N, C-alpha and C. Protein backbone atom coordinates (compact mmCIF):
# COMPACT_ATOMS: atom_id res chain seq x y z
N UNK A 1 39.16 1.39 -124.52
CA UNK A 1 38.52 0.43 -123.94
C UNK A 1 38.89 -0.73 -123.73
N UNK A 2 39.07 -1.62 -122.34
CA UNK A 2 39.07 -2.91 -122.66
C UNK A 2 39.72 -2.63 -121.24
N UNK A 3 40.18 -4.72 -121.22
CA UNK A 3 39.36 -5.08 -120.32
C UNK A 3 41.05 -5.49 -119.09
N UNK A 4 40.49 -5.09 -118.06
CA UNK A 4 42.04 -5.07 -117.33
C UNK A 4 42.10 -6.38 -116.68
N UNK A 5 40.82 -7.07 -116.41
CA UNK A 5 41.25 -8.53 -115.47
C UNK A 5 39.67 -9.44 -115.65
N UNK A 6 39.51 -10.93 -115.97
CA UNK A 6 38.17 -11.67 -116.10
C UNK A 6 38.44 -12.13 -114.47
N UNK A 7 37.92 -12.65 -113.54
CA UNK A 7 37.79 -12.96 -112.79
C UNK A 7 36.52 -13.89 -112.11
N UNK A 8 36.83 -15.00 -112.04
CA UNK A 8 35.46 -15.90 -111.34
C UNK A 8 35.93 -16.54 -109.76
N UNK A 9 34.60 -16.68 -109.36
CA UNK A 9 34.62 -16.27 -107.60
C UNK A 9 35.79 -17.23 -107.56
N UNK A 10 36.30 -17.31 -106.21
CA UNK A 10 36.78 -18.51 -105.01
C UNK A 10 35.37 -18.45 -104.10
N UNK A 11 34.74 -19.56 -103.83
CA UNK A 11 33.98 -19.60 -103.65
C UNK A 11 34.06 -19.95 -101.86
N UNK A 12 32.81 -18.98 -101.19
CA UNK A 12 33.27 -18.98 -99.44
C UNK A 12 32.14 -19.44 -98.60
N UNK A 13 31.71 -19.46 -97.08
CA UNK A 13 30.79 -18.80 -96.62
C UNK A 13 29.87 -17.41 -96.84
N UNK A 14 29.06 -17.61 -97.20
CA UNK A 14 28.07 -15.53 -97.56
C UNK A 14 28.56 -14.89 -96.20
N UNK A 15 29.15 -13.58 -96.44
CA UNK A 15 29.61 -13.29 -95.71
C UNK A 15 28.20 -12.50 -94.86
N UNK A 16 27.24 -12.72 -95.62
CA UNK A 16 26.20 -11.91 -94.96
C UNK A 16 25.29 -12.82 -93.85
N UNK A 17 25.92 -13.68 -93.73
CA UNK A 17 25.12 -14.43 -93.04
C UNK A 17 24.48 -15.71 -93.19
N UNK A 18 23.82 -15.71 -94.39
CA UNK A 18 22.68 -17.19 -94.59
C UNK A 18 23.88 -18.09 -95.00
N UNK A 19 22.43 -19.43 -94.70
CA UNK A 19 23.62 -20.94 -95.08
C UNK A 19 23.63 -21.22 -96.68
N UNK A 20 24.91 -20.70 -96.85
CA UNK A 20 24.95 -20.95 -97.88
C UNK A 20 26.24 -20.49 -98.86
N UNK A 21 26.70 -21.26 -99.72
CA UNK A 21 28.20 -20.38 -100.31
C UNK A 21 28.12 -18.84 -101.19
N UNK A 22 28.95 -18.04 -101.14
CA UNK A 22 28.85 -16.68 -101.63
C UNK A 22 29.62 -16.66 -103.28
N UNK A 23 29.44 -16.44 -104.20
CA UNK A 23 30.27 -15.70 -105.14
C UNK A 23 31.39 -14.34 -105.76
N UNK A 24 30.51 -13.72 -103.86
CA UNK A 24 31.31 -12.09 -104.47
C UNK A 24 32.58 -12.41 -104.54
N UNK A 25 33.32 -13.26 -104.36
CA UNK A 25 35.16 -13.31 -104.00
C UNK A 25 36.05 -13.88 -105.59
N UNK A 26 36.06 -12.87 -106.32
CA UNK A 26 36.07 -13.32 -107.21
C UNK A 26 37.67 -12.55 -107.74
N UNK A 27 38.13 -14.14 -108.49
CA UNK A 27 39.92 -13.38 -108.06
C UNK A 27 40.04 -14.30 -109.88
N UNK A 28 41.58 -12.81 -109.86
CA UNK A 28 41.71 -13.50 -112.00
C UNK A 28 41.76 -14.24 -112.35
N UNK A 29 41.22 -14.54 -113.38
CA UNK A 29 42.01 -15.92 -114.07
C UNK A 29 42.10 -15.27 -116.19
N UNK A 30 42.96 -16.60 -116.40
CA UNK A 30 43.53 -15.77 -117.73
C UNK A 30 42.82 -15.72 -118.44
N UNK A 31 41.54 -16.58 -118.84
CA UNK A 31 40.16 -16.20 -119.51
C UNK A 31 38.83 -16.65 -119.19
N UNK A 32 37.91 -15.97 -119.34
CA UNK A 32 36.59 -16.91 -118.89
C UNK A 32 35.75 -16.71 -120.17
N UNK A 33 34.88 -17.53 -120.38
CA UNK A 33 34.01 -18.28 -121.18
C UNK A 33 32.60 -17.87 -121.06
N UNK A 34 32.14 -16.88 -121.79
CA UNK A 34 30.46 -15.98 -121.28
C UNK A 34 29.95 -17.45 -122.09
N UNK A 35 28.51 -16.96 -121.68
CA UNK A 35 27.39 -18.09 -122.66
C UNK A 35 26.36 -17.66 -121.77
N UNK A 36 25.41 -17.69 -122.14
CA UNK A 36 23.89 -17.51 -122.15
C UNK A 36 23.04 -18.05 -121.50
N UNK A 37 23.08 -18.24 -119.67
CA UNK A 37 22.26 -18.96 -119.16
C UNK A 37 20.85 -19.12 -119.30
N UNK A 38 19.95 -19.80 -118.48
CA UNK A 38 18.35 -19.81 -118.34
C UNK A 38 17.60 -18.61 -118.20
N UNK A 39 16.73 -18.08 -118.53
CA UNK A 39 15.88 -16.85 -118.20
C UNK A 39 15.48 -16.71 -116.87
N UNK A 40 16.32 -17.26 -115.73
CA UNK A 40 15.29 -16.56 -114.42
C UNK A 40 16.73 -17.11 -113.64
N UNK A 41 16.74 -15.94 -112.38
CA UNK A 41 17.75 -15.46 -111.64
C UNK A 41 18.81 -17.37 -111.21
N UNK A 42 17.96 -17.77 -110.71
CA UNK A 42 18.80 -19.43 -110.41
C UNK A 42 18.52 -20.02 -111.61
N UNK A 43 19.15 -19.96 -112.73
CA UNK A 43 19.62 -20.47 -113.64
C UNK A 43 21.04 -20.34 -114.07
N UNK A 44 21.74 -19.43 -112.91
CA UNK A 44 22.94 -19.72 -113.67
C UNK A 44 23.81 -17.84 -113.78
N UNK A 45 24.82 -18.53 -113.78
CA UNK A 45 26.05 -17.58 -114.23
C UNK A 45 26.30 -17.76 -115.60
N UNK A 46 26.33 -16.62 -116.40
CA UNK A 46 26.85 -17.02 -118.06
C UNK A 46 28.15 -16.67 -118.23
N UNK A 47 29.10 -17.14 -116.93
CA UNK A 47 30.77 -17.31 -117.15
C UNK A 47 31.02 -18.76 -116.50
N UNK A 48 31.26 -19.93 -117.53
CA UNK A 48 31.32 -21.24 -117.32
C UNK A 48 32.89 -21.27 -115.93
N UNK A 49 31.99 -21.84 -115.02
CA UNK A 49 33.11 -22.43 -113.55
C UNK A 49 32.52 -20.91 -112.40
N UNK A 50 31.84 -20.46 -112.80
CA UNK A 50 31.61 -19.12 -111.77
C UNK A 50 30.73 -20.27 -110.73
N UNK A 51 30.42 -19.10 -109.76
CA UNK A 51 29.37 -19.60 -108.54
C UNK A 51 28.11 -18.39 -108.05
N UNK A 52 27.36 -19.14 -107.89
CA UNK A 52 26.25 -17.85 -107.67
C UNK A 52 25.84 -18.38 -106.62
N UNK A 53 26.34 -17.92 -105.63
CA UNK A 53 25.45 -18.21 -104.38
C UNK A 53 24.05 -18.17 -103.90
N UNK A 54 23.50 -16.74 -104.26
CA UNK A 54 22.30 -16.41 -103.59
C UNK A 54 21.18 -16.34 -105.60
N UNK A 55 21.36 -17.36 -105.55
CA UNK A 55 19.93 -18.07 -106.99
C UNK A 55 18.11 -17.03 -106.78
N UNK A 56 18.30 -16.40 -106.12
CA UNK A 56 16.90 -16.46 -105.73
C UNK A 56 16.77 -14.82 -106.57
N UNK A 57 17.85 -13.87 -106.72
CA UNK A 57 18.51 -12.55 -106.59
C UNK A 57 19.38 -12.59 -107.57
N UNK A 58 20.54 -14.23 -108.10
CA UNK A 58 20.83 -13.72 -109.09
C UNK A 58 21.38 -14.69 -110.24
N UNK A 59 22.48 -14.92 -110.88
CA UNK A 59 22.25 -15.22 -112.30
C UNK A 59 21.12 -14.93 -113.37
N UNK A 60 20.92 -15.73 -114.56
CA UNK A 60 20.50 -15.69 -115.07
C UNK A 60 20.55 -14.91 -117.07
N UNK A 61 19.72 -14.78 -117.40
CA UNK A 61 19.79 -14.16 -118.51
C UNK A 61 20.57 -13.00 -118.53
N UNK A 62 19.66 -11.67 -117.82
CA UNK A 62 19.90 -10.51 -117.38
C UNK A 62 21.17 -10.51 -116.69
N UNK A 63 21.08 -11.22 -115.53
CA UNK A 63 22.57 -11.28 -114.84
C UNK A 63 24.26 -12.28 -115.31
N UNK A 64 23.35 -11.90 -116.21
CA UNK A 64 24.91 -13.07 -116.78
C UNK A 64 26.41 -12.37 -116.68
N UNK A 65 26.65 -11.48 -116.74
CA UNK A 65 27.88 -11.23 -116.41
C UNK A 65 27.94 -10.06 -115.59
N UNK A 66 28.63 -9.29 -115.05
CA UNK A 66 29.08 -7.96 -114.49
C UNK A 66 30.00 -7.68 -114.71
N UNK A 67 30.42 -6.51 -114.94
CA UNK A 67 30.93 -6.24 -114.98
C UNK A 67 31.29 -4.19 -114.39
N UNK A 68 32.86 -4.09 -114.12
CA UNK A 68 32.69 -2.81 -112.83
C UNK A 68 34.25 -2.10 -113.24
N UNK A 69 34.42 -0.84 -113.37
CA UNK A 69 35.51 -0.45 -113.51
C UNK A 69 36.74 -0.17 -113.25
N UNK A 70 37.72 0.19 -113.27
CA UNK A 70 38.86 -0.32 -112.03
C UNK A 70 39.01 1.64 -112.08
N UNK A 71 38.48 1.90 -112.36
CA UNK A 71 38.61 3.82 -111.85
C UNK A 71 37.44 4.07 -110.97
N UNK A 72 37.22 3.07 -111.39
CA UNK A 72 36.09 2.72 -109.48
C UNK A 72 36.58 3.08 -108.53
N UNK A 73 36.81 1.15 -108.81
CA UNK A 73 37.72 0.35 -107.64
C UNK A 73 38.40 1.55 -106.92
N UNK A 74 39.16 2.32 -108.69
CA UNK A 74 40.62 3.62 -107.75
C UNK A 74 39.36 4.44 -106.58
N UNK A 75 38.47 4.90 -106.99
CA UNK A 75 38.14 6.09 -106.57
C UNK A 75 37.66 5.18 -105.20
N UNK A 76 37.08 4.61 -104.81
CA UNK A 76 36.60 3.17 -103.62
C UNK A 76 37.91 2.95 -102.61
N UNK A 77 38.78 2.54 -102.85
CA UNK A 77 39.89 2.43 -102.67
C UNK A 77 40.99 3.67 -101.49
N UNK A 78 40.43 4.83 -102.57
CA UNK A 78 41.85 5.98 -102.26
C UNK A 78 40.36 6.42 -100.90
N UNK A 79 38.45 6.64 -101.09
CA UNK A 79 38.16 6.70 -100.16
C UNK A 79 38.11 5.64 -99.11
N UNK A 80 38.39 5.04 -99.18
CA UNK A 80 37.99 3.93 -98.09
C UNK A 80 39.56 3.64 -97.20
N UNK A 81 40.74 4.19 -97.84
CA UNK A 81 41.75 3.50 -97.05
C UNK A 81 42.76 2.25 -97.28
N UNK A 82 41.97 1.19 -98.34
CA UNK A 82 42.44 0.19 -98.62
C UNK A 82 42.50 -0.47 -99.71
N UNK A 83 43.01 -1.32 -100.45
CA UNK A 83 43.35 -1.90 -101.41
C UNK A 83 42.41 -2.60 -101.69
N UNK A 84 42.41 -2.73 -103.06
CA UNK A 84 40.84 -3.11 -104.04
C UNK A 84 41.12 -4.34 -105.19
N UNK A 85 40.99 -4.94 -104.51
CA UNK A 85 42.04 -5.63 -105.79
C UNK A 85 40.89 -6.44 -107.51
N UNK A 86 41.37 -6.20 -108.56
CA UNK A 86 40.39 -6.50 -108.92
C UNK A 86 39.34 -7.85 -108.79
N UNK A 87 38.01 -7.98 -109.38
CA UNK A 87 37.08 -8.95 -108.62
C UNK A 87 36.73 -9.34 -107.44
N UNK A 88 37.31 -7.68 -106.33
CA UNK A 88 36.62 -7.18 -105.39
C UNK A 88 35.22 -7.32 -105.35
N UNK A 89 34.47 -6.24 -105.63
CA UNK A 89 32.91 -5.80 -106.13
C UNK A 89 32.01 -6.92 -106.64
N UNK A 90 32.82 -8.12 -106.90
CA UNK A 90 32.18 -9.37 -107.34
C UNK A 90 32.54 -8.98 -108.75
N UNK A 91 33.08 -8.54 -109.22
CA UNK A 91 32.77 -8.37 -111.01
C UNK A 91 33.32 -9.41 -111.68
N UNK A 92 32.98 -10.12 -112.80
CA UNK A 92 33.81 -10.74 -113.79
C UNK A 92 34.70 -9.85 -114.83
N UNK A 93 34.57 -9.24 -114.62
CA UNK A 93 34.99 -7.79 -115.70
C UNK A 93 35.84 -6.64 -115.10
N UNK A 94 37.04 -6.62 -115.38
CA UNK A 94 37.56 -5.08 -114.20
C UNK A 94 37.74 -5.05 -115.86
N UNK A 95 37.33 -3.55 -116.16
CA UNK A 95 37.45 -2.30 -117.08
C UNK A 95 38.07 -1.61 -116.81
N UNK A 96 38.73 -0.83 -118.16
CA UNK A 96 39.78 0.77 -117.88
C UNK A 96 38.99 1.25 -119.24
N UNK A 97 39.11 2.55 -118.92
CA UNK A 97 38.15 3.11 -119.84
C UNK A 97 37.21 3.47 -119.89
N UNK A 98 35.85 3.13 -119.67
CA UNK A 98 34.86 2.99 -119.74
C UNK A 98 34.34 3.41 -118.57
N UNK A 99 33.05 3.76 -118.64
CA UNK A 99 32.18 4.80 -117.61
C UNK A 99 31.14 4.44 -118.01
N UNK A 100 30.26 2.79 -117.18
CA UNK A 100 29.57 2.17 -117.16
C UNK A 100 28.47 2.94 -116.46
N UNK A 101 28.03 3.61 -116.14
CA UNK A 101 26.97 4.90 -115.51
C UNK A 101 26.50 5.74 -116.71
N UNK A 102 27.40 5.49 -118.02
CA UNK A 102 26.67 6.33 -118.67
C UNK A 102 26.96 5.86 -119.53
N UNK A 103 26.64 4.08 -119.61
CA UNK A 103 25.82 3.26 -120.96
C UNK A 103 24.93 3.68 -121.29
N UNK A 104 24.33 3.39 -122.42
CA UNK A 104 23.17 3.11 -122.24
C UNK A 104 22.43 1.59 -122.25
N UNK A 105 21.36 1.73 -121.83
CA UNK A 105 20.80 0.19 -121.52
C UNK A 105 20.73 -0.52 -122.48
N UNK A 106 20.68 -1.63 -123.00
CA UNK A 106 20.79 -2.43 -124.11
C UNK A 106 21.96 -2.06 -125.03
N UNK A 107 23.18 -1.35 -124.87
CA UNK A 107 23.70 -0.73 -125.57
C UNK A 107 25.11 -2.16 -126.26
N UNK A 108 24.86 -2.54 -126.70
CA UNK A 108 25.70 -3.73 -127.52
C UNK A 108 27.27 -4.04 -127.25
N UNK A 109 27.87 -4.42 -127.46
CA UNK A 109 29.92 -4.42 -127.64
C UNK A 109 30.33 -5.85 -127.76
N UNK A 110 31.48 -5.38 -128.72
CA UNK A 110 31.93 -6.83 -128.22
C UNK A 110 33.18 -7.05 -127.74
N UNK A 111 33.34 -8.06 -127.08
CA UNK A 111 34.43 -8.30 -126.38
C UNK A 111 35.31 -9.96 -126.43
N UNK A 112 37.00 -9.94 -126.84
CA UNK A 112 36.83 -10.76 -127.05
C UNK A 112 36.37 -10.89 -128.75
N UNK A 113 35.58 -12.70 -128.33
CA UNK A 113 34.93 -13.56 -129.41
C UNK A 113 33.59 -13.12 -128.70
N UNK A 114 33.34 -12.37 -127.67
CA UNK A 114 32.11 -12.17 -127.52
C UNK A 114 31.06 -11.53 -127.57
N UNK A 115 29.58 -11.08 -127.67
CA UNK A 115 29.05 -9.95 -128.20
C UNK A 115 27.74 -10.04 -126.69
N UNK A 116 28.40 -8.45 -125.96
CA UNK A 116 27.46 -8.83 -124.50
C UNK A 116 26.44 -7.59 -125.69
N UNK A 117 25.59 -7.53 -124.12
CA UNK A 117 24.50 -6.28 -123.54
C UNK A 117 24.75 -5.70 -122.94
N UNK A 118 25.02 -4.33 -122.51
CA UNK A 118 23.63 -4.02 -121.13
C UNK A 118 22.62 -3.87 -121.04
N UNK A 119 22.67 -4.99 -119.15
CA UNK A 119 20.70 -4.94 -119.14
C UNK A 119 20.61 -4.24 -118.21
N UNK A 120 21.32 -4.87 -116.94
CA UNK A 120 20.30 -3.90 -116.13
C UNK A 120 21.18 -3.19 -115.17
N UNK A 121 20.47 -2.59 -113.65
CA UNK A 121 21.47 -1.99 -112.86
C UNK A 121 21.58 -3.45 -111.49
N UNK A 122 22.87 -2.97 -110.77
CA UNK A 122 23.14 -3.61 -109.81
C UNK A 122 22.05 -3.51 -108.49
N UNK A 123 21.86 -4.54 -107.71
CA UNK A 123 21.12 -3.46 -106.46
C UNK A 123 22.35 -4.14 -105.36
N UNK A 124 23.07 -3.56 -104.30
CA UNK A 124 23.72 -3.89 -102.99
C UNK A 124 23.24 -4.42 -102.48
N UNK A 125 23.45 -4.90 -102.06
CA UNK A 125 22.60 -6.18 -100.98
C UNK A 125 24.01 -6.42 -99.68
N UNK A 126 22.44 -7.38 -98.60
CA UNK A 126 23.37 -7.63 -97.03
C UNK A 126 24.40 -8.34 -97.74
N UNK A 127 24.79 -9.08 -98.03
CA UNK A 127 26.02 -10.27 -98.52
C UNK A 127 27.01 -8.82 -98.85
N UNK A 128 26.92 -8.06 -99.87
CA UNK A 128 27.88 -7.06 -100.33
C UNK A 128 28.57 -6.19 -99.09
N UNK A 129 27.82 -6.29 -98.42
CA UNK A 129 28.30 -5.09 -97.14
C UNK A 129 28.76 -5.72 -96.58
N UNK A 130 27.97 -6.72 -95.13
CA UNK A 130 29.38 -7.70 -94.98
C UNK A 130 30.36 -8.17 -95.38
N UNK A 131 30.62 -8.14 -96.72
CA UNK A 131 32.00 -8.55 -97.73
C UNK A 131 33.26 -7.86 -97.52
N UNK A 132 32.86 -5.87 -97.53
CA UNK A 132 33.28 -5.36 -97.75
C UNK A 132 33.34 -4.54 -96.44
N UNK A 133 32.29 -4.80 -94.93
CA UNK A 133 32.78 -4.59 -93.95
C UNK A 133 33.11 -3.19 -93.51
N UNK A 134 32.43 -2.37 -94.41
CA UNK A 134 32.32 -0.83 -94.33
C UNK A 134 30.66 -0.10 -94.14
N UNK A 135 31.34 0.45 -92.58
CA UNK A 135 29.33 0.85 -92.47
C UNK A 135 29.13 1.79 -92.78
N UNK A 136 27.67 1.79 -93.58
CA UNK A 136 26.62 1.65 -93.97
C UNK A 136 27.02 1.86 -95.36
N UNK A 137 27.55 0.81 -95.65
CA UNK A 137 28.08 0.67 -97.63
C UNK A 137 27.24 0.69 -98.24
N UNK A 138 25.82 0.36 -98.06
CA UNK A 138 24.78 0.10 -99.10
C UNK A 138 23.87 1.53 -99.87
N UNK A 139 24.00 1.80 -98.48
CA UNK A 139 23.74 3.41 -98.58
C UNK A 139 25.02 4.46 -99.20
N UNK A 140 25.69 4.29 -98.46
CA UNK A 140 27.16 5.11 -99.98
C UNK A 140 27.37 4.69 -101.10
N UNK A 141 27.30 3.66 -101.30
CA UNK A 141 27.31 3.12 -102.79
C UNK A 141 26.20 3.22 -103.27
N UNK A 142 25.09 3.77 -102.93
CA UNK A 142 24.20 3.62 -103.54
C UNK A 142 23.51 5.32 -103.90
N UNK A 143 24.32 6.00 -103.27
CA UNK A 143 24.71 6.96 -103.25
C UNK A 143 25.86 8.19 -104.66
N UNK A 144 26.30 6.88 -104.38
CA UNK A 144 27.44 7.77 -105.27
C UNK A 144 27.00 7.79 -106.62
N UNK A 145 26.05 6.52 -107.24
CA UNK A 145 25.32 6.32 -108.28
C UNK A 145 25.99 5.21 -109.43
N UNK A 146 27.12 5.11 -109.61
CA UNK A 146 27.80 4.10 -110.07
C UNK A 146 27.75 2.38 -109.95
N UNK A 147 26.97 1.92 -110.64
CA UNK A 147 27.28 0.27 -109.89
C UNK A 147 27.31 -0.04 -110.52
N UNK A 148 28.19 -0.21 -111.41
CA UNK A 148 29.09 -0.77 -113.28
C UNK A 148 27.80 -1.15 -113.54
N UNK A 149 28.16 -2.24 -114.26
CA UNK A 149 26.64 -2.34 -114.98
C UNK A 149 26.41 -4.40 -115.19
N UNK A 150 25.31 -4.85 -115.20
CA UNK A 150 24.46 -6.25 -115.61
C UNK A 150 25.05 -6.08 -117.25
N UNK A 151 26.01 -7.42 -117.43
CA UNK A 151 25.37 -7.59 -119.08
C UNK A 151 24.83 -9.15 -119.74
N UNK A 152 24.36 -8.94 -121.15
CA UNK A 152 23.72 -9.85 -121.21
C UNK A 152 24.93 -10.75 -122.25
N UNK A 153 24.58 -12.69 -122.70
CA UNK A 153 25.42 -12.83 -123.16
C UNK A 153 24.42 -12.72 -125.01
N UNK A 154 24.96 -12.00 -125.58
CA UNK A 154 24.48 -11.84 -127.25
C UNK A 154 25.04 -12.94 -127.79
N UNK A 155 26.46 -13.47 -128.17
CA UNK A 155 27.17 -14.53 -128.25
C UNK A 155 28.01 -14.75 -128.07
N UNK A 156 28.29 -15.80 -127.32
CA UNK A 156 28.87 -16.79 -126.80
C UNK A 156 30.17 -16.67 -127.31
N UNK A 157 31.80 -16.82 -126.10
CA UNK A 157 32.52 -16.36 -126.91
C UNK A 157 33.74 -16.79 -125.61
N UNK A 158 35.11 -15.87 -126.41
CA UNK A 158 35.97 -16.13 -124.97
C UNK A 158 37.01 -14.50 -124.77
N UNK A 159 37.14 -14.37 -123.69
CA UNK A 159 37.45 -12.74 -122.66
C UNK A 159 38.46 -12.94 -122.58
N UNK A 160 39.87 -12.12 -122.28
CA UNK A 160 41.04 -11.85 -121.88
C UNK A 160 40.89 -11.08 -121.34
N UNK A 161 42.38 -10.77 -120.03
CA UNK A 161 42.24 -9.06 -120.10
C UNK A 161 43.32 -8.61 -121.63
N UNK A 162 43.12 -7.42 -121.81
CA UNK A 162 43.63 -6.92 -123.15
C UNK A 162 42.74 -6.83 -124.08
N UNK A 163 41.41 -7.56 -124.52
CA UNK A 163 40.94 -7.47 -125.01
C UNK A 163 40.49 -5.48 -125.02
N UNK A 164 39.95 -5.66 -126.57
CA UNK A 164 39.40 -3.90 -125.98
C UNK A 164 38.02 -4.48 -126.82
N UNK A 165 37.47 -3.56 -125.93
CA UNK A 165 35.35 -3.46 -126.13
C UNK A 165 34.96 -2.34 -127.31
N UNK A 166 34.80 -2.80 -127.86
CA UNK A 166 34.34 -2.52 -129.27
C UNK A 166 32.77 -2.05 -129.32
N UNK A 167 32.10 -0.24 -129.88
CA UNK A 167 30.44 -0.84 -129.03
C UNK A 167 30.27 -0.61 -130.26
N UNK A 168 29.35 -1.08 -130.79
CA UNK A 168 28.20 -1.30 -131.65
C UNK A 168 27.04 0.40 -131.06
N UNK A 169 25.93 0.46 -132.85
CA UNK A 169 25.85 1.38 -132.62
C UNK A 169 24.39 1.78 -131.01
N UNK A 170 24.30 2.75 -131.30
CA UNK A 170 23.68 3.13 -129.52
C UNK A 170 22.44 3.06 -130.05
N UNK A 171 21.95 2.41 -128.29
CA UNK A 171 20.39 2.51 -128.32
C UNK A 171 19.78 4.39 -128.67
N UNK A 172 18.97 4.21 -128.83
CA UNK A 172 17.98 5.44 -129.52
C UNK A 172 17.45 6.36 -128.20
N UNK A 173 17.26 5.27 -126.96
CA UNK A 173 16.13 6.04 -125.80
C UNK A 173 17.12 6.79 -125.24
N UNK A 174 17.50 7.37 -124.21
CA UNK A 174 18.64 8.09 -123.47
C UNK A 174 19.28 7.65 -121.80
N UNK A 175 17.90 6.28 -121.48
CA UNK A 175 18.22 5.92 -120.65
C UNK A 175 19.69 5.52 -120.15
N UNK A 176 20.34 5.61 -119.61
CA UNK A 176 21.69 5.39 -118.75
C UNK A 176 22.08 4.71 -117.54
N UNK A 177 23.00 3.81 -117.32
CA UNK A 177 22.80 2.53 -116.48
C UNK A 177 22.83 3.31 -114.67
N UNK A 178 22.88 4.58 -114.50
CA UNK A 178 23.06 6.00 -113.67
C UNK A 178 21.33 5.76 -113.30
N UNK A 179 20.96 6.22 -114.93
CA UNK A 179 19.38 6.83 -114.16
C UNK A 179 18.67 5.46 -113.54
N UNK A 180 18.72 4.00 -114.50
CA UNK A 180 17.98 3.12 -114.77
C UNK A 180 18.67 2.59 -112.60
N UNK A 181 19.95 2.55 -112.45
CA UNK A 181 20.07 2.32 -111.12
C UNK A 181 19.44 3.42 -109.99
N UNK A 182 19.04 5.25 -109.99
CA UNK A 182 18.92 5.56 -109.34
C UNK A 182 17.05 4.83 -109.40
N UNK A 183 16.90 4.51 -110.55
CA UNK A 183 15.07 4.12 -110.59
C UNK A 183 15.20 2.99 -109.89
N UNK A 184 15.91 2.02 -109.72
CA UNK A 184 16.15 1.01 -109.42
C UNK A 184 16.26 1.00 -107.27
N UNK A 185 16.80 2.16 -106.93
CA UNK A 185 16.83 2.75 -105.68
C UNK A 185 15.54 3.77 -105.58
N UNK A 186 15.24 3.89 -105.82
CA UNK A 186 13.59 4.50 -105.27
C UNK A 186 13.77 5.73 -106.41
N UNK A 187 14.50 5.82 -107.00
CA UNK A 187 14.23 7.62 -107.68
C UNK A 187 12.63 7.37 -108.30
N UNK A 188 11.98 7.99 -107.94
CA UNK A 188 10.52 7.68 -108.80
C UNK A 188 10.70 9.04 -110.07
N UNK A 189 10.84 10.09 -110.59
CA UNK A 189 11.39 10.64 -111.37
C UNK A 189 12.36 9.78 -112.34
N UNK A 190 13.47 9.68 -112.37
CA UNK A 190 13.80 8.11 -112.81
C UNK A 190 13.15 6.59 -113.57
N UNK A 191 12.24 6.15 -112.57
CA UNK A 191 11.60 5.35 -112.95
C UNK A 191 10.55 5.26 -113.66
N UNK A 192 9.71 6.97 -114.48
CA UNK A 192 9.23 7.35 -114.84
C UNK A 192 9.52 7.57 -116.13
N UNK A 193 11.11 7.74 -115.93
CA UNK A 193 11.18 7.87 -117.38
C UNK A 193 12.02 6.52 -118.24
N UNK A 194 11.99 6.21 -116.93
CA UNK A 194 12.34 4.66 -117.40
C UNK A 194 11.45 3.85 -118.04
N UNK A 195 10.29 4.35 -118.03
CA UNK A 195 9.09 3.32 -118.01
C UNK A 195 8.66 4.20 -119.46
N UNK A 196 8.81 5.07 -119.47
CA UNK A 196 8.51 6.25 -120.85
C UNK A 196 10.11 6.05 -121.74
N UNK A 197 10.12 5.54 -122.27
CA UNK A 197 12.27 4.99 -122.94
C UNK A 197 11.63 3.34 -123.10
N UNK A 198 10.78 2.57 -122.14
CA UNK A 198 9.98 0.84 -122.49
C UNK A 198 11.40 1.02 -122.90
N UNK A 199 12.67 -0.09 -122.01
CA UNK A 199 13.95 -0.68 -122.38
C UNK A 199 13.72 -1.40 -122.17
N UNK A 200 13.71 -1.79 -120.30
CA UNK A 200 13.87 -2.48 -119.80
C UNK A 200 12.59 -4.01 -119.91
N UNK A 201 13.67 -4.96 -118.97
CA UNK A 201 12.20 -6.34 -119.11
C UNK A 201 11.52 -5.86 -118.53
N UNK A 202 10.27 -7.34 -118.41
CA UNK A 202 9.38 -6.92 -117.68
C UNK A 202 9.44 -6.61 -116.89
N UNK A 203 9.58 -7.50 -115.70
CA UNK A 203 10.06 -7.57 -113.73
C UNK A 203 10.84 -5.86 -113.86
N UNK A 204 11.06 -5.86 -114.48
CA UNK A 204 11.79 -3.91 -114.25
C UNK A 204 10.92 -3.37 -114.49
N UNK A 205 9.75 -3.43 -115.27
CA UNK A 205 8.04 -2.30 -115.84
C UNK A 205 8.00 -2.11 -114.76
N UNK A 206 7.54 -3.36 -114.33
CA UNK A 206 6.33 -4.12 -113.42
C UNK A 206 6.85 -3.34 -111.82
N UNK A 207 8.25 -3.23 -111.78
CA UNK A 207 9.01 -2.88 -110.15
C UNK A 207 8.55 -1.93 -109.78
N UNK A 208 8.60 -1.39 -111.19
CA UNK A 208 8.69 0.86 -111.59
C UNK A 208 6.76 0.96 -111.54
N UNK A 209 6.37 0.68 -112.63
CA UNK A 209 4.94 0.64 -112.18
C UNK A 209 4.21 0.81 -110.63
N UNK A 210 4.85 -0.46 -110.00
CA UNK A 210 4.20 -0.46 -108.95
C UNK A 210 4.73 0.74 -107.83
N UNK A 211 5.72 1.26 -108.12
CA UNK A 211 6.76 2.03 -107.37
C UNK A 211 5.65 3.57 -107.88
N UNK A 212 5.26 3.32 -108.62
CA UNK A 212 4.65 5.15 -108.99
C UNK A 212 3.35 4.90 -108.78
N UNK A 213 2.52 4.08 -108.72
CA UNK A 213 1.28 4.00 -108.70
C UNK A 213 0.90 4.00 -106.54
N UNK A 214 2.13 3.74 -105.66
CA UNK A 214 2.32 4.05 -104.51
C UNK A 214 2.06 5.13 -104.10
N UNK A 215 1.78 5.73 -102.57
CA UNK A 215 1.75 6.92 -102.20
C UNK A 215 3.40 6.89 -101.48
């Protein structure tokens, strides 16, 4: 398991039509420096020099760094019949040899000189759909079930292409990123499992509790 590409945003007008800059178009850089931003979404990226456009839904400690597998880009590249270079899904880390959907929530790992931790799932949005310009993209992405992974920064440091990804001891609960993503997309059984495991931030617990209370 290793890093294939480290990516930082090339700012552009939000492709979803909002009157703001978007950071979804990320380009390879020779290294990224990661750190723990403030707790809230509006507190910015955990990657120095990166751009967060939608500060209402992105950035902050739980979404400090975004990772996505090259193998998944290859899957979509073949399915869509178009080239998908590293960073095109808005990821800071393009990895190889990692199945992010199978990683347990709160799994810690060392990458380069940093220590990161699997945090929460991506929620595909209008900006993502407009950027790829693929019909029904949000639904297709959600149904496939692999959203990559947002990562917390436990210890700041530098990450470069070629750095290995070394997992620490696994958490004791069974909740994977795939399960959390399904819950985030409205799967009630998955939401119940996540609540039982008690492994996500309070905002997610409250969201899933509300979901299960509704008819």
